[in-house]
Amino acid sequence: GDSLMDMRTKETNCSGGGTCSKTSTIFHPLISVTILFILSIFLVSVESMTTLTSSSSTMRHTISKVTRKAAREAVEGRIVTIPNDVWRSDALNHDKRIRTLLGAGLMTSKDHSIDSKKHKKKQHQKDDGWTALDPKNPVYNFLIEYYGIKGAKGPRRLARWSPDPSLIFHQQTPSIPFEELLNELRTNLGHEKNDNGNNVLLERLQKGGGILLEDAIPDDIGSTLHLRGATYIENVGILYSPALHFTQQPQQNNNTRTTSTNSASSSYRWYQSILSNTIQSTPILHCYGLHEWAMQYQPPNAPPPPSAKYQSHLPLRVSQQTINTLVERKGISCTHVDALRYFAPAAKPLNQYGGNLDRADQLNLEQKGCVHATMDLFKISLRLQPFVDASLIGDALEVALLARRLDVEASPYDATAYGLGVVYVETNEGRAEYKRRQVEVMEKAEVVRKKLLSAYDDFLMLALFDE
């Protein structure tokens, strides 16, 4: 009835020369045998768990294949319909949201007109209230520099609405049988034939389904709706179908078509992998946004950093010596492949994760704590347009702007003229504040990232249903 602690005490007393009872002397070998027995069970368990993990992976893959097959069979021939008043109301709300999110960064009509003349842009000015983003606003100019949201057409593109393709999977959503639209579809979907003599687009649409916006008209395209992926069906509406997205030109044979489709879908698969890996990543919460400081790093006798030009209109709030000291003392913990490209040459060797990273490194290094990885969610969402719920575009933009605000406020620039605060990462208090806000941004971004991964899964399942 002795505890293990009692047994250890008795054994110690024996080794120290004390008198040991017969009972206490036999516990030592018993304990050894027990420990060996437990260790053997543990080692067998580890081996079993390894086998189980491998089996579970295979099982998940098998279940996934079954689920995909069932989902594809469920959508066959389904054309989901969204009533005119419903989709127009959603489109109007999306437009309002984008205007709210971008409002502080848009140029005035007067400044936009001057800027257009300055760059000799001879394009028709639409009377819809959209102007270009201010290239000097440090929170919004990253949308121009990094993600190509240029001129008034950039914000205008973001305001266009698109339905959620996952509606095709939901059996409770209103739909009409494919056959009821067959005559109209034959007229509007071209005449390309496959090797079996069937209409390629009709065949894909019948298997992959689509979403029909009732009573949408050609004038809606380019203003309220996207031109890309739109199929106008006269007197019916506008159809969007991921199943038609990778359809190739008539002169291509099936082998060329398959190769071309694989090539065209590679960027979607890449982003799908980035999203999946980042969700599984461990966040790094000690970088303190020093990538912006690395862009301004200039030790004695080093040439001016090339990337200093990007925010040259902003004054520095600290001295060059302070920048150099912080970068050298703290080092840099930057995992973002694209951010590293903007480092001053002298700062790159100071990065803990390497001074020269290539695109392949992104799969291993991208992590959910990175504010630039959060901003990139916006770019990743744009890749799916128009085959993505418009509200998810708004979510990605919102969290990207939140991340960018922290990015700028923690930088060595003085952006207070734009209504921004300062996170003094050169101090202990400032670093603590940065970490707190970084975690807040990360948690909000994680929700968007998971939704985006689901959106990519849905799109690829619908677009590549015949794989």
Protein backbone atom coordinates (compact mmCIF):
# COMPACT_ATOMS: atom_id res chain seq x y z
CA GLY A 1 0.00 0.00 0.00
CA ASP A 2 3.02 2.34 -0.10
CA SER A 3 2.96 5.22 -2.58
CA LEU A 4 5.74 5.57 -5.13
CA MET A 5 7.09 8.49 -3.08
CA ASP A 6 7.16 6.26 0.04
CA MET A 7 9.01 3.58 -1.93
CA ARG A 8 11.60 6.05 -3.19
CA THR A 9 12.13 7.30 0.38
CA LYS A 10 12.67 3.78 1.72
CA GLU A 11 15.12 2.99 -1.08
CA THR A 12 17.06 6.15 -0.28
CA ASN A 13 17.25 5.24 3.38
CA CYS A 14 18.60 1.80 2.46
CA SER A 15 21.30 3.24 0.25
CA GLY A 16 22.24 5.56 3.05
CA GLY A 17 23.04 2.69 5.38
CA GLY A 18 19.73 2.49 7.27
CA THR A 19 17.86 -0.70 8.10
CA CYS A 20 15.54 -1.83 5.35
CA SER A 21 12.65 -4.17 5.89
CA LYS A 22 12.12 -7.17 3.61
CA THR A 23 9.03 -5.56 2.19
CA SER A 24 10.84 -2.38 1.15
CA THR A 25 13.69 -4.22 -0.54
CA ILE A 26 11.43 -6.04 -2.99
CA PHE A 27 9.76 -2.84 -4.28
CA HIS A 28 12.79 -1.67 -6.28
CA PRO A 29 12.71 -4.48 -8.86
CA LEU A 30 8.93 -4.29 -9.00
CA ILE A 31 9.12 -0.61 -9.86
CA SER A 32 11.72 -1.28 -12.54
CA VAL A 33 9.58 -3.97 -14.11
CA THR A 34 6.53 -1.72 -13.95
CA ILE A 35 8.35 1.17 -15.59
CA LEU A 36 9.69 -1.09 -18.34
CA PHE A 37 6.20 -2.45 -18.91
CA ILE A 38 4.74 1.07 -19.14
CA LEU A 39 7.51 2.16 -21.51
CA SER A 40 6.87 -0.81 -23.79
CA ILE A 41 3.16 0.01 -23.89
CA PHE A 42 4.03 3.65 -24.69
CA LEU A 43 6.33 2.70 -27.54
CA VAL A 44 3.72 0.36 -29.01
CA SER A 45 1.15 3.15 -28.67
CA VAL A 46 3.39 5.61 -30.49
CA GLU A 47 3.87 3.14 -33.32
CA SER A 48 0.13 2.49 -33.41
CA MET A 49 -0.62 6.19 -33.42
CA THR A 50 1.76 6.70 -36.35
CA THR A 51 -0.03 3.94 -38.24
CA LEU A 52 -3.40 5.36 -37.22
CA THR A 53 -2.41 8.85 -38.37
CA SER A 54 -1.37 7.45 -41.74
CA SER A 55 -4.61 5.45 -41.95
CA SER A 56 -6.65 8.49 -40.94
CA SER A 57 -5.01 10.52 -43.68
CA THR A 58 -5.93 7.85 -46.22
CA MET A 59 -9.43 7.64 -44.78
CA ARG A 60 -9.89 11.43 -44.96
CA HIS A 61 -8.72 11.36 -48.58
CA THR A 62 -11.19 8.56 -49.38
CA ILE A 63 -14.05 10.32 -47.58
CA SER A 64 -13.13 13.54 -49.36
CA LYS A 65 -13.32 11.79 -52.73
CA VAL A 66 -16.70 10.30 -51.84
CA THR A 67 -17.97 13.69 -50.64
CA ARG A 68 -16.77 15.42 -53.79
CA LYS A 69 -18.41 12.78 -55.96
CA ALA A 70 -21.70 13.11 -54.09
CA ALA A 71 -21.56 16.89 -54.25
CA ARG A 72 -20.92 16.87 -57.98
CA GLU A 73 -23.78 14.46 -58.58
CA ALA A 74 -26.05 16.72 -56.50
CA VAL A 75 -25.35 19.82 -58.61
CA GLU A 76 -25.77 18.12 -61.98
CA GLY A 77 -28.33 19.97 -64.02
CA ARG A 78 -29.09 22.52 -61.26
CA ILE A 79 -29.44 26.15 -62.28
CA VAL A 80 -29.95 28.13 -59.07
CA THR A 81 -32.12 31.20 -59.55
CA ILE A 82 -31.90 34.45 -57.58
CA PRO A 83 -34.90 36.78 -58.00
CA ASN A 84 -34.27 40.21 -59.46
CA ASP A 85 -35.21 42.15 -56.31
CA VAL A 86 -33.06 39.92 -54.09
CA TRP A 87 -29.80 40.12 -56.01
CA ARG A 88 -30.21 43.83 -56.77
CA SER A 89 -30.71 44.57 -53.07
CA ASP A 90 -27.58 42.57 -52.19
CA ALA A 91 -25.65 44.33 -54.94
CA LEU A 92 -26.68 47.76 -53.64
CA ASN A 93 -25.62 46.86 -50.09
CA HIS A 94 -22.27 45.61 -51.35
CA ASP A 95 -21.70 48.86 -53.27
CA LYS A 96 -22.44 50.86 -50.11
CA ARG A 97 -20.07 48.77 -48.04
CA ILE A 98 -17.18 49.18 -50.47
CA ARG A 99 -17.78 52.95 -50.62
CA THR A 100 -17.66 53.06 -46.81
CA LEU A 101 -14.45 51.00 -46.61
CA LEU A 102 -12.65 53.00 -49.30
CA GLY A 103 -14.19 56.41 -48.59
CA ALA A 104 -11.31 57.83 -46.56
CA GLY A 105 -8.81 56.86 -49.25
CA LEU A 106 -10.60 58.15 -52.35
CA MET A 107 -9.47 61.33 -54.07
CA THR A 108 -11.91 64.20 -54.40
CA SER A 109 -13.53 64.62 -57.81
CA LYS A 110 -11.38 67.70 -58.42
CA ASP A 111 -8.12 65.98 -57.47
CA HIS A 112 -9.09 62.93 -59.51
CA SER A 113 -9.71 65.11 -62.58
CA ILE A 114 -6.34 66.84 -62.16
CA ASP A 115 -4.57 63.51 -61.68
CA SER A 116 -6.21 62.06 -64.81
CA LYS A 117 -5.05 65.03 -66.91
CA LYS A 118 -1.59 64.82 -65.38
CA HIS A 119 -1.26 61.22 -66.56
CA LYS A 120 -2.98 62.04 -69.89
CA LYS A 121 -5.83 59.63 -69.30
CA LYS A 122 -8.37 60.18 -72.03
CA GLN A 123 -11.15 57.97 -70.82
CA HIS A 124 -14.84 58.52 -70.42
CA GLN A 125 -15.64 59.64 -66.88
CA LYS A 126 -18.60 57.66 -65.52
CA ASP A 127 -21.04 59.56 -63.37
CA ASP A 128 -21.16 57.00 -60.55
CA GLY A 129 -19.21 58.85 -57.86
CA TRP A 130 -16.12 56.66 -58.08
CA THR A 131 -12.68 58.26 -58.11
CA ALA A 132 -9.17 56.88 -57.85
CA LEU A 133 -7.51 56.06 -54.55
CA ASP A 134 -5.10 58.66 -53.21
CA PRO A 135 -1.59 57.38 -54.03
CA LYS A 136 -0.19 59.34 -51.08
CA ASN A 137 -2.53 57.98 -48.43
CA PRO A 138 -0.31 55.46 -46.60
CA VAL A 139 -3.19 53.20 -45.59
CA TYR A 140 -4.76 52.96 -49.05
CA ASN A 141 -1.83 53.30 -51.43
CA PHE A 142 -0.85 49.67 -50.88
CA LEU A 143 -4.01 48.73 -52.80
CA ILE A 144 -2.54 50.57 -55.77
CA GLU A 145 1.08 49.45 -55.46
CA TYR A 146 0.53 45.81 -54.43
CA TYR A 147 -2.84 44.83 -55.82
CA GLY A 148 -3.40 46.97 -58.91
CA ILE A 149 -6.49 48.90 -57.74
CA LYS A 150 -5.71 51.77 -60.08
CA GLY A 151 -7.73 54.72 -61.31
CA ALA A 152 -11.48 54.93 -60.74
CA LYS A 153 -11.97 51.57 -62.43
CA GLY A 154 -10.13 49.82 -59.58
CA PRO A 155 -12.60 50.79 -56.82
CA ARG A 156 -15.45 50.41 -59.31
CA ARG A 157 -14.42 46.82 -59.90
CA LEU A 158 -14.50 46.10 -56.16
CA ALA A 159 -18.06 47.42 -55.95
CA ARG A 160 -19.38 44.95 -58.51
CA TRP A 161 -21.47 42.22 -57.02
CA SER A 162 -21.23 38.46 -57.47
CA PRO A 163 -23.28 35.57 -56.06
CA ASP A 164 -21.96 32.82 -53.81
CA PRO A 165 -21.19 29.72 -55.95
CA SER A 166 -21.76 27.44 -52.94
CA LEU A 167 -25.49 28.07 -53.43
CA ILE A 168 -25.28 25.50 -56.21
CA PHE A 169 -24.64 22.81 -53.57
CA HIS A 170 -27.60 23.78 -51.39
CA GLN A 171 -30.58 21.72 -52.40
CA GLN A 172 -33.01 24.06 -50.61
CA THR A 173 -32.15 27.03 -52.84
CA PRO A 174 -34.63 27.77 -55.65
CA SER A 175 -33.56 26.32 -58.98
CA ILE A 176 -34.89 25.42 -62.40
CA PRO A 177 -34.11 22.25 -64.33
CA PHE A 178 -31.43 22.57 -66.96
CA GLU A 179 -33.82 21.28 -69.60
CA GLU A 180 -36.16 24.28 -69.19
CA LEU A 181 -33.41 26.61 -70.40
CA LEU A 182 -32.03 24.32 -73.06
CA ASN A 183 -33.29 26.24 -76.09
CA GLU A 184 -32.13 29.62 -74.73
CA LEU A 185 -28.76 28.16 -73.75
CA ARG A 186 -28.20 26.67 -77.18
CA THR A 187 -28.62 30.15 -78.64
CA ASN A 188 -26.26 31.87 -76.19
CA LEU A 189 -23.51 29.35 -75.45
CA GLY A 190 -21.85 28.98 -78.84
CA HIS A 191 -21.41 25.90 -80.99
CA GLU A 192 -18.10 24.34 -80.00
CA LYS A 193 -18.25 20.55 -80.24
CA ASN A 194 -16.25 17.96 -78.33
CA ASP A 195 -14.98 14.65 -79.75
CA ASN A 196 -18.39 13.10 -79.15
CA GLY A 197 -20.12 15.78 -81.20
CA ASN A 198 -21.78 17.39 -78.18
CA ASN A 199 -21.83 21.12 -77.43
CA VAL A 200 -18.91 21.62 -75.02
CA LEU A 201 -20.39 24.47 -73.00
CA LEU A 202 -23.84 22.94 -72.75
CA GLU A 203 -22.39 19.66 -71.58
CA ARG A 204 -20.25 21.32 -68.92
CA LEU A 205 -23.09 23.51 -67.72
CA GLN A 206 -25.41 20.53 -67.45
CA LYS A 207 -22.89 18.71 -65.24
CA GLY A 208 -21.54 21.67 -63.27
CA GLY A 209 -24.63 23.80 -62.79
CA GLY A 210 -24.71 27.57 -62.43
CA ILE A 211 -26.40 30.60 -60.90
CA LEU A 212 -28.92 32.65 -62.84
CA LEU A 213 -29.60 36.27 -61.87
CA GLU A 214 -33.15 36.75 -63.00
CA ASP A 215 -33.95 39.70 -65.26
CA ALA A 216 -30.37 40.96 -65.30
CA ILE A 217 -29.65 42.88 -68.52
CA PRO A 218 -26.51 43.74 -70.52
CA ASP A 219 -26.40 47.23 -68.97
CA ASP A 220 -25.80 45.59 -65.57
CA ILE A 221 -22.54 44.10 -66.83
CA GLY A 222 -19.56 46.31 -66.07
CA SER A 223 -21.51 48.45 -63.62
CA THR A 224 -23.34 46.28 -61.10
CA LEU A 225 -22.08 42.91 -62.29
CA HIS A 226 -18.82 41.49 -63.64
CA LEU A 227 -18.20 41.06 -67.35
CA ARG A 228 -15.86 38.17 -66.67
CA GLY A 229 -17.75 34.90 -66.52
CA ALA A 230 -21.11 36.45 -67.46
CA THR A 231 -23.40 34.77 -69.98
CA TYR A 232 -26.40 36.84 -70.99
CA ILE A 233 -29.52 34.85 -71.81
CA GLU A 234 -32.01 37.06 -73.61
CA ASN A 235 -35.27 37.70 -71.73
CA VAL A 236 -34.08 35.44 -68.90
CA GLY A 237 -31.10 36.96 -67.09
CA ILE A 238 -27.35 36.60 -66.63
CA LEU A 239 -25.73 33.27 -65.82
CA TYR A 240 -22.49 32.64 -63.89
CA SER A 241 -21.06 29.13 -63.86
CA PRO A 242 -17.63 28.05 -62.60
CA ALA A 243 -18.02 24.97 -64.80
CA LEU A 244 -17.55 27.16 -67.89
CA HIS A 245 -14.54 29.06 -66.62
CA PHE A 246 -11.73 26.84 -67.93
CA THR A 247 -13.38 25.96 -71.23
CA GLN A 248 -10.84 26.35 -74.02
CA GLN A 249 -10.95 27.40 -77.68
CA PRO A 250 -12.59 25.24 -80.38
CA GLN A 251 -9.43 24.36 -82.23
CA GLN A 252 -7.90 22.60 -79.26
CA ASN A 253 -8.15 18.84 -78.95
CA ASN A 254 -8.88 17.11 -75.65
CA ASN A 255 -5.22 16.57 -74.72
CA THR A 256 -4.36 20.21 -75.32
CA ARG A 257 -7.50 21.24 -73.45
CA THR A 258 -6.52 19.19 -70.39
CA THR A 259 -2.98 20.61 -70.34
CA SER A 260 -4.29 24.13 -70.77
CA THR A 261 -6.86 23.69 -68.00
CA ASN A 262 -4.22 22.39 -65.61
CA SER A 263 -2.05 25.40 -66.38
CA ALA A 264 -4.94 27.85 -65.98
CA SER A 265 -6.02 26.31 -62.69
CA SER A 266 -2.51 26.26 -61.19
CA SER A 267 -2.78 29.72 -59.63
CA TYR A 268 -6.04 28.75 -57.94
CA ARG A 269 -4.48 25.58 -56.57
CA TRP A 270 -1.51 27.60 -55.37
CA TYR A 271 -3.66 29.99 -53.36
CA GLN A 272 -5.67 27.05 -52.06
CA SER A 273 -2.42 25.54 -50.73
CA ILE A 274 -1.27 28.86 -49.25
CA LEU A 275 -4.55 29.26 -47.39
CA SER A 276 -4.52 25.69 -46.10
CA ASN A 277 -0.89 25.84 -44.94
CA THR A 278 -1.31 29.21 -43.26
CA ILE A 279 -4.32 27.99 -41.29
CA GLN A 280 -2.13 25.18 -39.95
CA SER A 281 0.82 27.48 -39.19
CA THR A 282 2.15 28.64 -35.84
CA PRO A 283 1.99 32.45 -35.59
CA ILE A 284 5.14 34.48 -35.07
CA LEU A 285 4.37 37.29 -32.65
CA HIS A 286 7.78 38.89 -32.19
CA CYS A 287 8.37 40.54 -35.57
CA TYR A 288 6.95 43.90 -34.37
CA GLY A 289 6.45 45.13 -37.93
CA LEU A 290 10.16 45.75 -38.45
CA HIS A 291 9.91 44.98 -42.17
CA GLU A 292 8.98 48.66 -42.63
CA TRP A 293 12.10 49.65 -40.70
CA ALA A 294 14.19 47.28 -42.80
CA MET A 295 13.07 49.20 -45.88
CA GLN A 296 14.66 52.34 -44.41
CA TYR A 297 17.79 50.70 -42.98
CA GLN A 298 20.96 52.50 -44.03
CA PRO A 299 24.16 51.83 -42.08
CA PRO A 300 27.21 54.11 -42.55
CA ASN A 301 28.62 54.11 -46.09
CA ALA A 302 25.61 52.19 -47.47
CA PRO A 303 23.73 53.70 -50.44
CA PRO A 304 20.21 55.07 -49.85
CA PRO A 305 17.69 52.20 -49.68
CA PRO A 306 15.77 51.91 -52.97
CA SER A 307 12.44 51.23 -51.25
CA ALA A 308 12.52 54.52 -49.38
CA LYS A 309 10.83 56.06 -52.42
CA TYR A 310 7.49 54.34 -51.72
CA GLN A 311 6.64 56.58 -48.77
CA SER A 312 8.99 59.45 -49.62
CA HIS A 313 6.18 61.98 -49.13
CA LEU A 314 6.01 61.04 -45.43
CA PRO A 315 8.53 62.43 -42.93
CA LEU A 316 10.35 60.03 -40.64
CA ARG A 317 9.28 60.27 -36.99
CA VAL A 318 12.63 58.92 -35.76
CA SER A 319 16.26 59.46 -36.71
CA GLN A 320 18.23 57.24 -39.07
CA GLN A 321 20.32 56.20 -36.09
CA THR A 322 17.22 54.99 -34.26
CA ILE A 323 16.17 52.96 -37.29
CA ASN A 324 19.61 51.39 -37.63
CA THR A 325 19.89 50.64 -33.92
CA LEU A 326 16.50 48.95 -33.69
CA VAL A 327 17.05 46.81 -36.78
CA GLU A 328 20.52 45.76 -35.66
CA ARG A 329 19.61 45.18 -32.00
CA LYS A 330 16.36 43.30 -32.52
CA GLY A 331 17.12 41.71 -35.86
CA ILE A 332 14.26 40.94 -38.25
CA SER A 333 11.87 38.01 -38.11
CA CYS A 334 10.13 38.37 -41.46
CA THR A 335 8.53 35.33 -43.13
CA HIS A 336 6.80 37.18 -45.96
CA VAL A 337 8.46 36.51 -49.31
CA ASP A 338 7.18 39.67 -51.00
CA ALA A 339 7.94 41.98 -48.07
CA LEU A 340 11.56 40.82 -48.14
CA ARG A 341 11.90 42.04 -51.73
CA TYR A 342 11.48 45.61 -50.48
CA PHE A 343 14.18 45.40 -47.79
CA ALA A 344 17.21 47.63 -48.08
CA PRO A 345 20.06 45.40 -49.39
CA ALA A 346 22.01 45.84 -46.15
CA ALA A 347 19.01 44.64 -44.09
CA LYS A 348 18.44 41.34 -45.85
CA PRO A 349 21.27 39.41 -44.10
CA LEU A 350 19.75 40.45 -40.76
CA ASN A 351 16.54 38.51 -41.43
CA GLN A 352 16.29 35.38 -39.29
CA TYR A 353 14.51 33.46 -42.06
CA GLY A 354 16.98 34.28 -44.81
CA GLY A 355 17.97 37.19 -46.99
CA ASN A 356 16.88 35.63 -50.27
CA LEU A 357 13.57 33.79 -50.35
CA ASP A 358 11.86 32.47 -53.44
CA ARG A 359 8.21 31.75 -54.15
CA ALA A 360 8.47 28.10 -53.14
CA ASP A 361 9.50 29.19 -49.62
CA GLN A 362 6.11 30.81 -49.17
CA LEU A 363 4.38 27.46 -48.65
CA ASN A 364 6.60 26.73 -45.64
CA LEU A 365 7.06 30.22 -44.22
CA GLU A 366 3.68 31.93 -44.58
CA GLN A 367 2.15 32.23 -41.10
CA LYS A 368 -1.06 33.63 -39.70
CA GLY A 369 0.57 36.27 -37.47
CA CYS A 370 2.00 38.18 -40.46
CA VAL A 371 0.14 41.42 -41.23
CA HIS A 372 1.21 41.22 -44.87
CA ALA A 373 -0.21 37.69 -45.13
CA THR A 374 -3.45 39.18 -43.82
CA MET A 375 -3.35 41.95 -46.43
CA ASP A 376 -2.79 39.31 -49.11
CA LEU A 377 -6.16 37.77 -48.27
CA PHE A 378 -7.61 40.64 -50.28
CA LYS A 379 -5.48 39.72 -53.32
CA ILE A 380 -6.42 36.06 -52.93
CA SER A 381 -10.12 36.92 -52.80
CA LEU A 382 -9.85 39.00 -55.99
CA ARG A 383 -8.44 36.02 -57.88
CA LEU A 384 -11.79 34.28 -57.51
CA GLN A 385 -13.95 37.09 -58.88
CA PRO A 386 -16.68 36.69 -60.04
CA PHE A 387 -16.93 33.19 -58.60
CA VAL A 388 -16.93 34.30 -54.97
CA ASP A 389 -19.52 35.74 -52.63
CA ALA A 390 -19.19 39.54 -52.88
CA SER A 391 -19.49 39.83 -49.10
CA LEU A 392 -16.26 37.83 -48.77
CA ILE A 393 -14.49 40.39 -50.97
CA GLY A 394 -15.71 43.03 -48.52
CA ASP A 395 -14.53 40.98 -45.53
CA ALA A 396 -11.07 40.50 -47.04
CA LEU A 397 -10.77 44.21 -47.85
CA GLU A 398 -11.87 45.19 -44.35
CA VAL A 399 -9.33 42.99 -42.57
CA ALA A 400 -6.59 44.01 -45.04
CA LEU A 401 -7.15 47.69 -44.23
CA LEU A 402 -7.08 46.88 -40.52
CA ALA A 403 -3.72 45.13 -40.95
CA ARG A 404 -2.35 47.96 -43.09
CA ARG A 405 -3.30 50.54 -40.48
CA LEU A 406 -1.26 48.68 -37.86
CA ASP A 407 1.55 48.26 -40.39
CA VAL A 408 1.80 52.02 -40.98
CA GLU A 409 1.32 53.08 -37.37
CA ALA A 410 4.19 50.82 -36.31
CA SER A 411 6.47 52.11 -39.06
CA PRO A 412 9.19 54.78 -38.72
CA TYR A 413 7.02 57.22 -40.75
CA ASP A 414 4.97 60.05 -39.32
CA ALA A 415 1.51 59.47 -40.77
CA THR A 416 -0.41 61.51 -38.19
CA ALA A 417 -1.43 63.99 -40.89
CA TYR A 418 -3.67 61.20 -42.24
CA GLY A 419 -5.39 60.69 -38.90
CA LEU A 420 -3.23 57.73 -37.86
CA GLY A 421 -1.73 57.05 -34.47
CA VAL A 422 1.72 55.78 -33.60
CA VAL A 423 2.79 52.41 -32.21
CA TYR A 424 6.24 53.03 -30.75
CA VAL A 425 7.82 49.65 -31.46
CA GLU A 426 11.21 51.07 -30.52
CA THR A 427 10.02 50.87 -26.89
CA ASN A 428 8.98 47.92 -24.72
CA GLU A 429 5.51 49.41 -24.26
CA GLY A 430 5.10 49.91 -27.98
CA ARG A 431 6.12 46.34 -28.78
CA ALA A 432 3.58 45.05 -26.26
CA GLU A 433 0.88 47.17 -27.93
CA TYR A 434 1.91 45.92 -31.38
CA LYS A 435 1.67 42.31 -30.26
CA ARG A 436 -1.78 42.87 -28.72
CA ARG A 437 -3.13 44.45 -31.88
CA GLN A 438 -1.37 41.88 -34.06
CA VAL A 439 -3.26 39.11 -32.26
CA GLU A 440 -6.56 40.98 -32.74
CA VAL A 441 -5.92 41.32 -36.47
CA MET A 442 -4.81 37.69 -36.71
CA GLU A 443 -7.99 36.40 -35.08
CA LYS A 444 -10.21 38.41 -37.42
CA ALA A 445 -8.15 37.36 -40.42
CA GLU A 446 -8.40 33.69 -39.50
CA VAL A 447 -12.18 33.78 -39.93
CA VAL A 448 -11.77 35.30 -43.41
CA ARG A 449 -8.97 32.89 -44.32
CA LYS A 450 -11.11 29.85 -43.52
CA LYS A 451 -14.03 31.23 -45.53
CA LEU A 452 -11.69 31.87 -48.45
CA LEU A 453 -10.34 28.33 -48.33
CA SER A 454 -13.90 27.01 -48.47
CA ALA A 455 -14.60 29.33 -51.40
CA TYR A 456 -11.55 28.00 -53.28
CA ASP A 457 -12.58 24.41 -52.52
CA ASP A 458 -16.07 25.08 -53.85
CA PHE A 459 -14.86 26.85 -56.97
CA LEU A 460 -12.35 24.17 -57.93
CA MET A 461 -14.88 21.43 -57.27
CA LEU A 462 -17.40 23.12 -59.56
CA ALA A 463 -14.92 24.26 -62.21
CA LEU A 464 -13.01 20.96 -62.42
CA PHE A 465 -15.90 18.59 -61.77
CA ASP A 466 -14.64 16.16 -64.40
CA GLU A 467 -11.29 15.50 -62.72
